[in-house]
Amino acid sequence: MPQDLLTMSGEEFSISNILKEDERIQDNPDLLEKILAVFDFTQYILDDDENLTKSANLNGNARTLLDKRIEELFLGDSD
């Protein structure tokens, strides 16, 4: 495994591990779960080239999907 994919403690890189070390999130497991869900959904969207512009940014439809997912997670079902 390349060195740049390891954390300082030698563990495999994981956004979850990084966020768990953040003092602002440690006392709020629900917030951690929501942040990780947004990260996972963003990765899912980015994996599909149909969601990207020529410059590799999210296109309008993908941004709308991401906005709706964030709204669902943090504000509840908006329907």
PDB file of N, CA and C in Angstrom:
ATOM      1  N   MET A   1       0.842  -1.181   0.000  1.00  0.00           N
ATOM      2  CA  MET A   1       0.000   0.000   0.000  1.00  0.00           C
ATOM      3  C   MET A   1       0.885   1.241   0.000  1.00  0.00           C
ATOM      4  N   PRO A   2       0.613   2.220  -0.874  1.00  0.00           N
ATOM      5  CA  PRO A   2       1.419   3.445  -0.899  1.00  0.00           C
ATOM      6  C   PRO A   2       1.359   4.187   0.441  1.00  0.00           C
ATOM      7  N   GLN A   3       2.452   4.793   0.808  1.00  0.00           N
ATOM      8  CA  GLN A   3       2.545   5.492   2.090  1.00  0.00           C
ATOM      9  C   GLN A   3       1.503   6.596   2.220  1.00  0.00           C
ATOM     10  N   ASP A   4       1.152   7.273   1.128  1.00  0.00           N
ATOM     11  CA  ASP A   4       0.217   8.394   1.244  1.00  0.00           C
ATOM     12  C   ASP A   4      -1.214   7.937   1.528  1.00  0.00           C
ATOM     13  N   LEU A   5      -1.467   6.632   1.505  1.00  0.00           N
ATOM     14  CA  LEU A   5      -2.791   6.121   1.847  1.00  0.00           C
ATOM     15  C   LEU A   5      -2.860   5.654   3.296  1.00  0.00           C
ATOM     16  N   LEU A   6      -1.811   5.914   4.049  1.00  0.00           N
ATOM     17  CA  LEU A   6      -1.784   5.538   5.453  1.00  0.00           C
ATOM     18  C   LEU A   6      -1.945   6.767   6.324  1.00  0.00           C
ATOM     19  N   THR A   7      -2.599   6.610   7.467  1.00  0.00           N
ATOM     20  CA  THR A   7      -2.702   7.705   8.419  1.00  0.00           C
ATOM     21  C   THR A   7      -1.399   7.772   9.212  1.00  0.00           C
ATOM     22  N   MET A   8      -1.277   8.780  10.042  1.00  0.00           N
ATOM     23  CA  MET A   8      -0.065   8.939  10.839  1.00  0.00           C
ATOM     24  C   MET A   8       0.184   7.713  11.723  1.00  0.00           C
ATOM     25  N   SER A   9      -0.873   7.048  12.192  1.00  0.00           N
ATOM     26  CA  SER A   9      -0.702   5.892  13.071  1.00  0.00           C
ATOM     27  C   SER A   9      -0.417   4.621  12.288  1.00  0.00           C
ATOM     28  N   GLY A  10      -0.346   4.720  10.932  1.00  0.00           N
ATOM     29  CA  GLY A  10      -0.058   3.560  10.117  1.00  0.00           C
ATOM     30  C   GLY A  10      -1.292   2.792   9.677  1.00  0.00           C
ATOM     31  N   GLU A  11      -2.468   3.247  10.105  1.00  0.00           N
ATOM     32  CA  GLU A  11      -3.701   2.597   9.685  1.00  0.00           C
ATOM     33  C   GLU A  11      -4.010   2.960   8.233  1.00  0.00           C
ATOM     34  N   GLU A  12      -4.806   2.112   7.578  1.00  0.00           N
ATOM     35  CA  GLU A  12      -5.242   2.421   6.227  1.00  0.00           C
ATOM     36  C   GLU A  12      -6.084   3.694   6.260  1.00  0.00           C
ATOM     37  N   PHE A  13      -5.931   4.532   5.222  1.00  0.00           N
ATOM     38  CA  PHE A  13      -6.685   5.777   5.141  1.00  0.00           C
ATOM     39  C   PHE A  13      -8.174   5.488   5.195  1.00  0.00           C
ATOM     40  N   SER A  14      -8.878   6.215   6.020  1.00  0.00           N
ATOM     41  CA  SER A  14     -10.317   6.075   6.130  1.00  0.00           C
ATOM     42  C   SER A  14     -10.888   7.399   6.599  1.00  0.00           C
ATOM     43  N   ILE A  15     -11.850   7.910   5.848  1.00  0.00           N
ATOM     44  CA  ILE A  15     -12.487   9.164   6.263  1.00  0.00           C
ATOM     45  C   ILE A  15     -13.145   8.976   7.625  1.00  0.00           C
ATOM     46  N   SER A  16     -13.646   7.785   7.875  1.00  0.00           N
ATOM     47  CA  SER A  16     -14.272   7.492   9.162  1.00  0.00           C
ATOM     48  C   SER A  16     -13.274   7.654  10.305  1.00  0.00           C
ATOM     49  N   ASN A  17     -12.060   7.114  10.136  1.00  0.00           N
ATOM     50  CA  ASN A  17     -11.034   7.243  11.176  1.00  0.00           C
ATOM     51  C   ASN A  17     -10.655   8.696  11.409  1.00  0.00           C
ATOM     52  N   ILE A  18     -10.543   9.455  10.345  1.00  0.00           N
ATOM     53  CA  ILE A  18     -10.183  10.859  10.466  1.00  0.00           C
ATOM     54  C   ILE A  18     -11.273  11.627  11.207  1.00  0.00           C
ATOM     55  N   LEU A  19     -12.519  11.407  10.833  1.00  0.00           N
ATOM     56  CA  LEU A  19     -13.623  12.128  11.473  1.00  0.00           C
ATOM     57  C   LEU A  19     -13.805  11.729  12.932  1.00  0.00           C
ATOM     58  N   LYS A  20     -13.564  10.468  13.247  1.00  0.00           N
ATOM     59  CA  LYS A  20     -13.705  10.009  14.635  1.00  0.00           C
ATOM     60  C   LYS A  20     -12.707  10.696  15.550  1.00  0.00           C
ATOM     61  N   GLU A  21     -11.602  11.179  14.994  1.00  0.00           N
ATOM     62  CA  GLU A  21     -10.598  11.881  15.791  1.00  0.00           C
ATOM     63  C   GLU A  21     -10.932  13.360  15.978  1.00  0.00           C
ATOM     64  N   ASP A  22     -11.918  13.862  15.261  1.00  0.00           N
ATOM     65  CA  ASP A  22     -12.301  15.268  15.353  1.00  0.00           C
ATOM     66  C   ASP A  22     -13.128  15.492  16.614  1.00  0.00           C
ATOM     67  N   GLU A  23     -12.642  16.337  17.500  1.00  0.00           N
ATOM     68  CA  GLU A  23     -13.309  16.597  18.779  1.00  0.00           C
ATOM     69  C   GLU A  23     -14.732  17.121  18.615  1.00  0.00           C
ATOM     70  N   ARG A  24     -14.987  17.823  17.524  1.00  0.00           N
ATOM     71  CA  ARG A  24     -16.322  18.386  17.306  1.00  0.00           C
ATOM     72  C   ARG A  24     -17.347  17.300  16.995  1.00  0.00           C
ATOM     73  N   ILE A  25     -16.885  16.137  16.578  1.00  0.00           N
ATOM     74  CA  ILE A  25     -17.787  15.067  16.165  1.00  0.00           C
ATOM     75  C   ILE A  25     -17.827  13.937  17.182  1.00  0.00           C
ATOM     76  N   GLN A  26     -16.811  13.798  18.000  1.00  0.00           N
ATOM     77  CA  GLN A  26     -16.701  12.677  18.924  1.00  0.00           C
ATOM     78  C   GLN A  26     -17.928  12.503  19.812  1.00  0.00           C
ATOM     79  N   ASP A  27     -18.518  13.589  20.239  1.00  0.00           N
ATOM     80  CA  ASP A  27     -19.668  13.528  21.140  1.00  0.00           C
ATOM     81  C   ASP A  27     -20.996  13.484  20.402  1.00  0.00           C
ATOM     82  N   ASN A  28     -20.958  13.338  19.084  1.00  0.00           N
ATOM     83  CA  ASN A  28     -22.186  13.335  18.304  1.00  0.00           C
ATOM     84  C   ASN A  28     -22.144  12.234  17.240  1.00  0.00           C
ATOM     85  N   PRO A  29     -22.394  10.984  17.653  1.00  0.00           N
ATOM     86  CA  PRO A  29     -22.321   9.872  16.695  1.00  0.00           C
ATOM     87  C   PRO A  29     -23.340   9.985  15.566  1.00  0.00           C
ATOM     88  N   ASP A  30     -24.470  10.620  15.822  1.00  0.00           N
ATOM     89  CA  ASP A  30     -25.477  10.811  14.776  1.00  0.00           C
ATOM     90  C   ASP A  30     -24.939  11.717  13.671  1.00  0.00           C
ATOM     91  N   LEU A  31     -24.229  12.770  14.054  1.00  0.00           N
ATOM     92  CA  LEU A  31     -23.627  13.665  13.072  1.00  0.00           C
ATOM     93  C   LEU A  31     -22.568  12.933  12.256  1.00  0.00           C
ATOM     94  N   LEU A  32     -21.757  12.125  12.919  1.00  0.00           N
ATOM     95  CA  LEU A  32     -20.737  11.338  12.215  1.00  0.00           C
ATOM     96  C   LEU A  32     -21.396  10.437  11.175  1.00  0.00           C
ATOM     97  N   GLU A  33     -22.457   9.767  11.555  1.00  0.00           N
ATOM     98  CA  GLU A  33     -23.169   8.877  10.634  1.00  0.00           C
ATOM     99  C   GLU A  33     -23.687   9.640   9.415  1.00  0.00           C
ATOM    100  N   LYS A  34     -24.225  10.825   9.641  1.00  0.00           N
ATOM    101  CA  LYS A  34     -24.757  11.639   8.537  1.00  0.00           C
ATOM    102  C   LYS A  34     -23.646  12.130   7.616  1.00  0.00           C
ATOM    103  N   ILE A  35     -22.548  12.567   8.191  1.00  0.00           N
ATOM    104  CA  ILE A  35     -21.419  13.036   7.387  1.00  0.00           C
ATOM    105  C   ILE A  35     -20.870  11.893   6.534  1.00  0.00           C
ATOM    106  N   LEU A  36     -20.742  10.719   7.111  1.00  0.00           N
ATOM    107  CA  LEU A  36     -20.246   9.568   6.360  1.00  0.00           C
ATOM    108  C   LEU A  36     -21.217   9.168   5.254  1.00  0.00           C
ATOM    109  N   ALA A  37     -22.519   9.307   5.505  1.00  0.00           N
ATOM    110  CA  ALA A  37     -23.516   9.001   4.476  1.00  0.00           C
ATOM    111  C   ALA A  37     -23.394   9.981   3.312  1.00  0.00           C
ATOM    112  N   VAL A  38     -23.154  11.257   3.598  1.00  0.00           N
ATOM    113  CA  VAL A  38     -22.957  12.248   2.535  1.00  0.00           C
ATOM    114  C   VAL A  38     -21.695  11.903   1.742  1.00  0.00           C
ATOM    115  N   PHE A  39     -20.628  11.557   2.439  1.00  0.00           N
ATOM    116  CA  PHE A  39     -19.376  11.190   1.768  1.00  0.00           C
ATOM    117  C   PHE A  39     -19.588   9.984   0.852  1.00  0.00           C
ATOM    118  N   ASP A  40     -20.251   8.950   1.371  1.00  0.00           N
ATOM    119  CA  ASP A  40     -20.505   7.741   0.576  1.00  0.00           C
ATOM    120  C   ASP A  40     -21.370   8.040  -0.645  1.00  0.00           C
ATOM    121  N   PHE A  41     -22.403   8.850  -0.469  1.00  0.00           N
ATOM    122  CA  PHE A  41     -23.272   9.185  -1.588  1.00  0.00           C
ATOM    123  C   PHE A  41     -22.523  10.004  -2.634  1.00  0.00           C
ATOM    124  N   THR A  42     -21.672  10.904  -2.175  1.00  0.00           N
ATOM    125  CA  THR A  42     -20.869  11.702  -3.099  1.00  0.00           C
ATOM    126  C   THR A  42     -19.941  10.805  -3.906  1.00  0.00           C
ATOM    127  N   GLN A  43     -19.307   9.846  -3.246  1.00  0.00           N
ATOM    128  CA  GLN A  43     -18.444   8.899  -3.952  1.00  0.00           C
ATOM    129  C   GLN A  43     -19.242   8.119  -4.995  1.00  0.00           C
ATOM    130  N   TYR A  44     -20.446   7.707  -4.633  1.00  0.00           N
ATOM    131  CA  TYR A  44     -21.319   6.971  -5.552  1.00  0.00           C
ATOM    132  C   TYR A  44     -21.624   7.815  -6.796  1.00  0.00           C
ATOM    133  N   ILE A  45     -21.957   9.078  -6.585  1.00  0.00           N
ATOM    134  CA  ILE A  45     -22.269   9.976  -7.705  1.00  0.00           C
ATOM    135  C   ILE A  45     -21.035  10.195  -8.579  1.00  0.00           C
ATOM    136  N   LEU A  46     -19.893  10.408  -7.951  1.00  0.00           N
ATOM    137  CA  LEU A  46     -18.662  10.675  -8.703  1.00  0.00           C
ATOM    138  C   LEU A  46     -18.189   9.479  -9.521  1.00  0.00           C
ATOM    139  N   ASP A  47     -18.580   8.286  -9.109  1.00  0.00           N
ATOM    140  CA  ASP A  47     -18.161   7.073  -9.827  1.00  0.00           C
ATOM    141  C   ASP A  47     -18.826   6.931 -11.194  1.00  0.00           C
ATOM    142  N   ASP A  48     -19.902   7.655 -11.424  1.00  0.00           N
ATOM    143  CA  ASP A  48     -20.633   7.556 -12.696  1.00  0.00           C
ATOM    144  C   ASP A  48     -20.293   8.765 -13.563  1.00  0.00           C
ATOM    145  N   ASP A  49     -19.604   8.528 -14.673  1.00  0.00           N
ATOM    146  CA  ASP A  49     -19.193   9.617 -15.559  1.00  0.00           C
ATOM    147  C   ASP A  49     -20.370  10.432 -16.087  1.00  0.00           C
ATOM    148  N   GLU A  50     -21.548   9.849 -16.118  1.00  0.00           N
ATOM    149  CA  GLU A  50     -22.744  10.568 -16.582  1.00  0.00           C
ATOM    150  C   GLU A  50     -23.092  11.746 -15.660  1.00  0.00           C
ATOM    151  N   ASN A  51     -22.582  11.712 -14.437  1.00  0.00           N
ATOM    152  CA  ASN A  51     -22.857  12.776 -13.464  1.00  0.00           C
ATOM    153  C   ASN A  51     -21.832  13.904 -13.503  1.00  0.00           C
ATOM    154  N   LEU A  52     -20.860  13.798 -14.403  1.00  0.00           N
ATOM    155  CA  LEU A  52     -19.762  14.761 -14.415  1.00  0.00           C
ATOM    156  C   LEU A  52     -19.751  15.609 -15.672  1.00  0.00           C
ATOM    157  N   THR A  53     -19.292  16.838 -15.514  1.00  0.00           N
ATOM    158  CA  THR A  53     -19.058  17.703 -16.659  1.00  0.00           C
ATOM    159  C   THR A  53     -17.718  17.329 -17.282  1.00  0.00           C
ATOM    160  N   LYS A  54     -17.362  17.965 -18.387  1.00  0.00           N
ATOM    161  CA  LYS A  54     -16.077  17.695 -19.031  1.00  0.00           C
ATOM    162  C   LYS A  54     -14.896  18.015 -18.119  1.00  0.00           C
ATOM    163  N   SER A  55     -15.091  18.964 -17.206  1.00  0.00           N
ATOM    164  CA  SER A  55     -14.015  19.324 -16.286  1.00  0.00           C
ATOM    165  C   SER A  55     -14.102  18.548 -14.962  1.00  0.00           C
ATOM    166  N   ALA A  56     -14.893  17.464 -14.953  1.00  0.00           N
ATOM    167  CA  ALA A  56     -15.007  16.547 -13.815  1.00  0.00           C
ATOM    168  C   ALA A  56     -15.716  17.143 -12.597  1.00  0.00           C
ATOM    169  N   ASN A  57     -16.524  18.156 -12.820  1.00  0.00           N
ATOM    170  CA  ASN A  57     -17.376  18.673 -11.753  1.00  0.00           C
ATOM    171  C   ASN A  57     -18.726  17.979 -11.834  1.00  0.00           C
ATOM    172  N   LEU A  58     -19.477  18.020 -10.748  1.00  0.00           N
ATOM    173  CA  LEU A  58     -20.823  17.460 -10.787  1.00  0.00           C
ATOM    174  C   LEU A  58     -21.690  18.287 -11.720  1.00  0.00           C
ATOM    175  N   ASN A  59     -22.481  17.602 -12.544  1.00  0.00           N
ATOM    176  CA  ASN A  59     -23.408  18.335 -13.405  1.00  0.00           C
ATOM    177  C   ASN A  59     -24.640  18.744 -12.579  1.00  0.00           C
ATOM    178  N   GLY A  60     -25.538  19.477 -13.197  1.00  0.00           N
ATOM    179  CA  GLY A  60     -26.704  20.008 -12.485  1.00  0.00           C
ATOM    180  C   GLY A  60     -27.563  18.931 -11.856  1.00  0.00           C
ATOM    181  N   ASN A  61     -27.826  17.850 -12.587  1.00  0.00           N
ATOM    182  CA  ASN A  61     -28.653  16.776 -12.058  1.00  0.00           C
ATOM    183  C   ASN A  61     -27.988  16.113 -10.848  1.00  0.00           C
ATOM    184  N   ALA A  62     -26.696  15.872 -10.942  1.00  0.00           N
ATOM    185  CA  ALA A  62     -25.974  15.240  -9.838  1.00  0.00           C
ATOM    186  C   ALA A  62     -25.955  16.153  -8.609  1.00  0.00           C
ATOM    187  N   ARG A  63     -25.785  17.449  -8.830  1.00  0.00           N
ATOM    188  CA  ARG A  63     -25.825  18.389  -7.702  1.00  0.00           C
ATOM    189  C   ARG A  63     -27.185  18.379  -7.027  1.00  0.00           C
ATOM    190  N   THR A  64     -28.233  18.294  -7.834  1.00  0.00           N
ATOM    191  CA  THR A  64     -29.590  18.239  -7.283  1.00  0.00           C
ATOM    192  C   THR A  64     -29.769  16.975  -6.445  1.00  0.00           C
ATOM    193  N   LEU A  65     -29.290  15.828  -6.959  1.00  0.00           N
ATOM    194  CA  LEU A  65     -29.373  14.578  -6.200  1.00  0.00           C
ATOM    195  C   LEU A  65     -28.625  14.678  -4.873  1.00  0.00           C
ATOM    196  N   LEU A  66     -27.436  15.266  -4.915  1.00  0.00           N
ATOM    197  CA  LEU A  66     -26.643  15.419  -3.694  1.00  0.00           C
ATOM    198  C   LEU A  66     -27.338  16.362  -2.715  1.00  0.00           C
ATOM    199  N   ASP A  67     -27.859  17.470  -3.214  1.00  0.00           N
ATOM    200  CA  ASP A  67     -28.590  18.409  -2.352  1.00  0.00           C
ATOM    201  C   ASP A  67     -29.777  17.731  -1.677  1.00  0.00           C
ATOM    202  N   LYS A  68     -30.517  16.930  -2.441  1.00  0.00           N
ATOM    203  CA  LYS A  68     -31.679  16.235  -1.879  1.00  0.00           C
ATOM    204  C   LYS A  68     -31.259  15.231  -0.811  1.00  0.00           C
ATOM    205  N   ARG A  69     -30.157  14.520  -1.054  1.00  0.00           N
ATOM    206  CA  ARG A  69     -29.673  13.551  -0.066  1.00  0.00           C
ATOM    207  C   ARG A  69     -29.248  14.243   1.214  1.00  0.00           C
ATOM    208  N   ILE A  70     -28.563  15.357   1.097  1.00  0.00           N
ATOM    209  CA  ILE A  70     -28.149  16.116   2.280  1.00  0.00           C
ATOM    210  C   ILE A  70     -29.377  16.611   3.033  1.00  0.00           C
ATOM    211  N   GLU A  71     -30.352  17.105   2.303  1.00  0.00           N
ATOM    212  CA  GLU A  71     -31.584  17.581   2.924  1.00  0.00           C
ATOM    213  C   GLU A  71     -32.294  16.451   3.669  1.00  0.00           C
ATOM    214  N   GLU A  72     -32.362  15.278   3.048  1.00  0.00           N
ATOM    215  CA  GLU A  72     -32.983  14.122   3.703  1.00  0.00           C
ATOM    216  C   GLU A  72     -32.268  13.762   4.995  1.00  0.00           C
ATOM    217  N   LEU A  73     -30.944  13.740   4.950  1.00  0.00           N
ATOM    218  CA  LEU A  73     -30.166  13.338   6.102  1.00  0.00           C
ATOM    219  C   LEU A  73     -30.249  14.342   7.255  1.00  0.00           C
ATOM    220  N   PHE A  74     -30.178  15.632   6.915  1.00  0.00           N
ATOM    221  CA  PHE A  74     -30.078  16.631   7.974  1.00  0.00           C
ATOM    222  C   PHE A  74     -31.402  17.298   8.327  1.00  0.00           C
ATOM    223  N   LEU A  75     -32.372  17.257   7.428  1.00  0.00           N
ATOM    224  CA  LEU A  75     -33.658  17.900   7.711  1.00  0.00           C
ATOM    225  C   LEU A  75     -34.818  16.916   7.741  1.00  0.00           C
ATOM    226  N   GLY A  76     -34.561  15.670   7.433  1.00  0.00           N
ATOM    227  CA  GLY A  76     -35.623  14.674   7.359  1.00  0.00           C
ATOM    228  C   GLY A  76     -36.195  14.630   5.955  1.00  0.00           C
ATOM    229  N   ASP A  77     -37.080  13.690   5.727  1.00  0.00           N
ATOM    230  CA  ASP A  77     -37.700  13.527   4.406  1.00  0.00           C
ATOM    231  C   ASP A  77     -38.502  14.769   4.074  1.00  0.00           C
ATOM    232  N   SER A  78     -38.193  15.374   2.916  1.00  0.00           N
ATOM    233  CA  SER A  78     -38.836  16.640   2.549  1.00  0.00           C
ATOM    234  C   SER A  78     -40.130  16.447   1.785  1.00  0.00           C
ATOM    235  N   ASP A  79     -40.496  15.181   1.465  1.00  0.00           N
ATOM    236  CA  ASP A  79     -41.724  14.933   0.719  1.00  0.00           C
ATOM    237  C   ASP A  79     -42.938  14.893   1.615  1.00  0.00           C
TER     238      ASP A  79
END
